[in-house]
Amino acid sequence: MLQVTNLNQFYGGSHILRGLSFEAKPGEVTCLLGRNGVGKTTLLKCLMGLIPAKSGEIHWQGKTINQHKPHQRVRAGMAYVPQGREIFPRLTVEENLLMGLSRFSGAQAKQVPDEIFELFPVLHAMRYRRGGDLSGGQQQQLAIGRALACRPQLLVLDEPTEGIQPSVIKEIGVVIKTLAARGDMAILLVEQFYDFAAELADRYLVMSRGAIVQSGDGENMEAEGVRHLVAI
C-alpha cells in the first residue's frame, strides 16, 4: 500500500533523509528503529505531508502523493499518531474521538465507532472526562483511538510507548496485533523500545544518519543483531 522510493530531505545544509526506500504492506507491522536524531520523525512528517520531500517519491495505493496536503492524505486513508500524542486537553474523550471523524460527513461523523471502545474499554469508561485529566498512557490510547476513528488503511505510530507505564504498553501491543491480524491495514511503527518492536514486527527497518542501514523479517531481529544497532 505504501511505497517510498529514494526519499531525500534537507534542513539547511544538513542531509537529513538519505535516499530512503521501503514499503509497508496491509496485514503487516513494519517497525522502524533507530537512535535519537537519525531522522525517524522527519520521515513520518514527510509521509504525512507536514513537510515536503526534497526529492524521491511517496506512493500510496498506487498513486504518487508528494503534492498532497496532510488533510488529503488523511482522506485517502492515512492516519498519524505523533510523538507526544497532541490530544485536545480541554475536550472530552468523546469529543477528541469525534475529531477523528472529520474525513466523514453527516451521520457518519456524529458517533464514535463501537470498535474504538472495544479496542480501548478505558476510553468508554472515561468518555465524558476531559482529555487533559487522563494519565499519559490513557492519553496515548486516546490518540490512537482518534486516529483509528477515521478508519485508515495505514496507521503511522511515532514512539507510542514513550513515557507509558508497562501495563498500558502491553495493552497497546495487543491492539496493534489485533489491527494487523485483520489484514486490511498497514501499520508503520517507529519505536526505540526494542523488545516492544521485536514482539510486533513482521518487517523491520533500522535507520542511522538518515539512511536505512539494515532491514529484514521481524522474527530475525535478534539473530541479525538489531538490538545492538539501536541500543542507546
Protein backbone atom coordinates (compact mmCIF):
# COMPACT_ATOMS: atom_id res chain seq x y z
CA MET A 1 0.00 0.00 0.00
CA LEU A 2 2.76 2.46 0.95
CA GLN A 3 5.88 2.62 -1.20
CA VAL A 4 8.70 5.09 -0.61
CA THR A 5 11.41 5.44 -3.25
CA ASN A 6 14.72 7.29 -2.88
CA LEU A 7 13.34 9.89 -0.45
CA ASN A 8 15.61 12.82 0.45
CA GLN A 9 15.16 15.76 2.82
CA PHE A 10 17.46 18.56 3.96
CA TYR A 11 17.44 21.05 6.85
CA GLY A 12 19.61 23.92 5.70
CA GLY A 13 22.82 22.28 4.57
CA SER A 14 22.22 19.07 6.52
CA HIS A 15 21.15 15.98 4.58
CA ILE A 16 18.53 14.55 6.99
CA LEU A 17 16.95 11.76 4.91
CA ARG A 18 19.30 9.98 2.53
CA GLY A 19 17.71 8.04 -0.30
CA LEU A 20 15.19 6.08 1.76
CA SER A 21 13.30 3.28 0.02
CA PHE A 22 10.88 0.85 1.69
CA GLU A 23 7.27 -0.32 1.69
CA ALA A 24 4.58 -1.10 4.24
CA LYS A 25 2.05 -3.79 3.35
CA PRO A 26 -1.50 -4.47 4.60
CA GLY A 27 -1.71 -7.01 7.40
CA GLU A 28 1.86 -6.32 8.49
CA VAL A 29 3.57 -4.28 11.18
CA THR A 30 6.65 -2.58 9.75
CA CYS A 31 8.88 -1.36 12.59
CA LEU A 32 11.31 1.48 12.01
CA LEU A 33 14.03 1.58 14.65
CA GLY A 34 16.96 3.87 15.30
CA ARG A 35 18.59 6.04 17.92
CA ASN A 36 17.53 9.63 18.61
CA GLY A 37 18.25 12.14 15.87
CA VAL A 38 18.57 9.76 12.91
CA GLY A 39 15.57 11.23 11.05
CA LYS A 40 12.67 8.93 12.01
CA THR A 41 10.18 11.67 12.88
CA THR A 42 11.25 13.74 9.86
CA LEU A 43 10.43 10.74 7.68
CA LEU A 44 6.96 10.41 9.18
CA LYS A 45 6.27 14.12 8.67
CA CYS A 46 7.25 13.73 5.02
CA LEU A 47 4.93 10.75 4.67
CA MET A 48 2.03 12.75 6.09
CA GLY A 49 2.76 15.92 4.09
CA LEU A 50 3.65 18.03 7.12
CA ILE A 51 6.98 18.86 5.47
CA PRO A 52 7.74 18.42 1.77
CA ALA A 53 10.15 15.82 0.48
CA LYS A 54 13.11 17.39 -1.33
CA SER A 55 13.24 14.54 -3.83
CA GLY A 56 12.07 10.96 -4.26
CA GLU A 57 8.53 9.60 -4.42
CA ILE A 58 5.85 8.56 -1.96
CA HIS A 59 3.26 6.20 -3.46
CA TRP A 60 0.02 5.40 -1.67
CA GLN A 61 -2.34 2.81 -3.12
CA GLY A 62 -0.57 3.07 -6.47
CA LYS A 63 -0.65 6.87 -6.74
CA THR A 64 2.12 9.43 -6.18
CA ILE A 65 1.06 11.70 -3.31
CA ASN A 66 4.09 14.01 -2.97
CA GLN A 67 1.90 17.05 -3.72
CA HIS A 68 -0.99 16.04 -1.46
CA LYS A 69 -1.72 18.18 1.61
CA PRO A 70 -1.98 16.46 5.02
CA HIS A 71 -5.79 16.52 5.03
CA GLN A 72 -5.83 14.94 1.56
CA ARG A 73 -3.65 12.10 2.82
CA VAL A 74 -5.98 11.56 5.77
CA ARG A 75 -8.96 11.44 3.43
CA ALA A 76 -7.06 8.91 1.32
CA GLY A 77 -6.83 6.60 4.34
CA MET A 78 -3.60 7.56 6.14
CA ALA A 79 -3.60 8.23 9.89
CA TYR A 80 -0.79 9.55 12.09
CA VAL A 81 -0.29 9.40 15.85
CA PRO A 82 2.53 11.88 16.54
CA GLN A 83 5.12 11.66 19.27
CA GLY A 84 3.69 13.49 22.28
CA ARG A 85 0.10 12.47 21.44
CA GLU A 86 -1.24 16.01 20.83
CA ILE A 87 -4.76 15.38 22.09
CA PHE A 88 -7.11 18.28 22.89
CA PRO A 89 -6.85 18.57 26.70
CA ARG A 90 -9.98 20.69 27.18
CA LEU A 91 -12.22 18.47 25.08
CA THR A 92 -13.77 15.32 26.50
CA VAL A 93 -12.55 11.89 25.45
CA GLU A 94 -15.63 11.50 23.27
CA GLU A 95 -15.12 14.91 21.66
CA ASN A 96 -11.48 14.05 20.93
CA LEU A 97 -12.57 10.83 19.25
CA LEU A 98 -15.21 12.64 17.21
CA MET A 99 -12.45 14.91 15.87
CA GLY A 100 -11.04 11.80 14.24
CA LEU A 101 -14.21 11.52 12.15
CA SER A 102 -13.55 14.78 10.30
CA ARG A 103 -12.97 12.97 6.99
CA PHE A 104 -16.61 11.81 7.07
CA SER A 105 -19.81 13.83 6.75
CA GLY A 106 -23.34 13.67 8.11
CA ALA A 107 -24.40 10.81 10.37
CA GLN A 108 -21.03 9.05 9.99
CA ALA A 109 -19.32 11.87 11.85
CA LYS A 110 -21.72 12.06 14.81
CA GLN A 111 -20.98 8.88 16.72
CA VAL A 112 -17.78 7.22 17.83
CA PRO A 113 -17.48 3.78 16.18
CA ASP A 114 -18.12 0.95 18.65
CA GLU A 115 -14.87 -0.66 17.54
CA ILE A 116 -12.83 2.10 19.23
CA PHE A 117 -14.40 1.40 22.60
CA GLU A 118 -13.99 -2.35 22.06
CA LEU A 119 -10.27 -1.89 21.44
CA PHE A 120 -9.87 0.59 24.32
CA PRO A 121 -12.52 -0.07 27.01
CA VAL A 122 -10.96 2.59 29.26
CA LEU A 123 -11.97 5.27 26.74
CA HIS A 124 -15.61 4.22 27.00
CA ALA A 125 -15.45 4.36 30.79
CA MET A 126 -13.90 7.84 30.63
CA ARG A 127 -15.67 9.22 27.57
CA TYR A 128 -17.05 12.26 29.44
CA ARG A 129 -13.76 13.12 31.15
CA ARG A 130 -11.55 15.85 29.71
CA GLY A 131 -8.56 14.59 27.77
CA GLY A 132 -6.18 16.57 29.94
CA ASP A 133 -7.38 14.68 33.04
CA LEU A 134 -6.24 11.31 31.69
CA SER A 135 -2.94 9.65 32.55
CA GLY A 136 -0.16 9.60 29.96
CA GLY A 137 -0.99 6.03 29.00
CA GLN A 138 -4.69 6.79 28.66
CA GLN A 139 -3.90 9.84 26.53
CA GLN A 140 -1.81 7.61 24.25
CA GLN A 141 -4.75 5.22 23.90
CA LEU A 142 -6.97 8.20 23.14
CA ALA A 143 -4.57 9.45 20.45
CA ILE A 144 -4.53 6.03 18.79
CA GLY A 145 -8.31 5.75 19.09
CA ARG A 146 -8.75 9.16 17.46
CA ALA A 147 -6.54 8.06 14.55
CA LEU A 148 -8.47 4.81 14.17
CA ALA A 149 -11.80 6.65 14.12
CA CYS A 150 -11.11 7.72 10.53
CA ARG A 151 -10.94 4.04 9.52
CA PRO A 152 -7.46 4.26 7.99
CA GLN A 153 -5.74 1.76 5.75
CA LEU A 154 -2.36 2.99 7.02
CA LEU A 155 -1.67 3.71 10.68
CA VAL A 156 1.58 5.54 11.45
CA LEU A 157 2.67 5.50 15.11
CA ASP A 158 5.58 7.60 16.38
CA GLU A 159 7.03 6.04 19.57
CA PRO A 160 3.72 5.09 21.25
CA THR A 161 5.49 3.60 24.29
CA GLU A 162 7.34 6.79 25.26
CA GLY A 163 6.67 7.66 28.91
CA ILE A 164 3.97 4.98 29.22
CA GLN A 165 3.57 2.51 32.10
CA PRO A 166 4.25 -1.17 31.28
CA SER A 167 0.64 -2.32 31.70
CA VAL A 168 -0.59 0.17 29.08
CA ILE A 169 2.32 -0.68 26.75
CA LYS A 170 1.07 -4.26 26.86
CA GLU A 171 -2.50 -3.16 26.05
CA ILE A 172 -1.32 -1.05 23.12
CA GLY A 173 0.69 -4.01 21.82
CA VAL A 174 -2.43 -6.20 21.89
CA VAL A 175 -4.36 -3.58 19.91
CA ILE A 176 -1.62 -3.32 17.27
CA LYS A 177 -1.57 -7.11 16.88
CA THR A 178 -5.36 -7.16 16.58
CA LEU A 179 -5.36 -4.49 13.88
CA ALA A 180 -2.62 -6.21 11.89
CA ALA A 181 -4.39 -9.57 12.10
CA ARG A 182 -7.44 -8.13 10.33
CA GLY A 183 -5.32 -7.93 7.20
CA ASP A 184 -6.73 -4.67 5.80
CA MET A 185 -4.39 -2.17 7.44
CA ALA A 186 -0.68 -1.46 7.08
CA ILE A 187 0.99 -0.33 10.30
CA LEU A 188 4.23 1.66 10.37
CA LEU A 189 5.60 1.76 13.91
CA VAL A 190 8.53 3.98 14.88
CA GLU A 191 9.96 2.74 18.14
CA GLN A 192 13.05 2.90 20.36
CA PHE A 193 11.84 0.24 22.80
CA TYR A 194 13.47 -2.77 21.18
CA ASP A 195 11.51 -5.51 22.98
CA PHE A 196 8.17 -3.93 22.07
CA ALA A 197 9.19 -3.65 18.42
CA ALA A 198 10.61 -7.16 18.28
CA GLU A 199 7.38 -8.64 19.63
CA LEU A 200 5.24 -6.91 16.98
CA ALA A 201 7.38 -6.59 13.85
CA ASP A 202 6.61 -8.53 10.72
CA ARG A 203 9.28 -6.49 8.96
CA TYR A 204 11.93 -4.21 10.45
CA LEU A 205 13.97 -1.26 9.21
CA VAL A 206 16.96 0.26 11.02
CA MET A 207 17.87 3.90 10.41
CA SER A 208 21.22 5.53 11.07
CA ARG A 209 22.29 9.02 9.98
CA GLY A 210 19.25 9.44 7.77
CA ALA A 211 19.62 6.17 5.86
CA ILE A 212 18.17 2.68 6.19
CA VAL A 213 21.20 0.57 7.06
CA GLN A 214 19.51 -2.78 7.66
CA SER A 215 16.14 -4.44 7.08
CA GLY A 216 14.61 -7.88 7.33
CA ASP A 217 11.94 -10.10 8.85
CA GLY A 218 10.85 -9.32 12.38
CA GLU A 219 11.45 -12.88 13.55
CA ASN A 220 15.15 -12.49 12.71
CA MET A 221 15.79 -9.25 14.58
CA GLU A 222 17.72 -10.83 17.46
CA ALA A 223 19.79 -13.10 15.23
CA GLU A 224 20.64 -10.20 12.92
CA GLY A 225 21.93 -8.01 15.75
CA VAL A 226 19.26 -5.31 15.65
CA ARG A 227 19.31 -4.88 19.44
CA HIS A 228 22.95 -3.80 19.27
CA LEU A 229 22.29 -1.42 16.38
CA VAL A 230 19.62 0.55 18.25
CA ALA A 231 21.00 0.35 21.81
CA ILE A 232 21.34 3.81 23.34
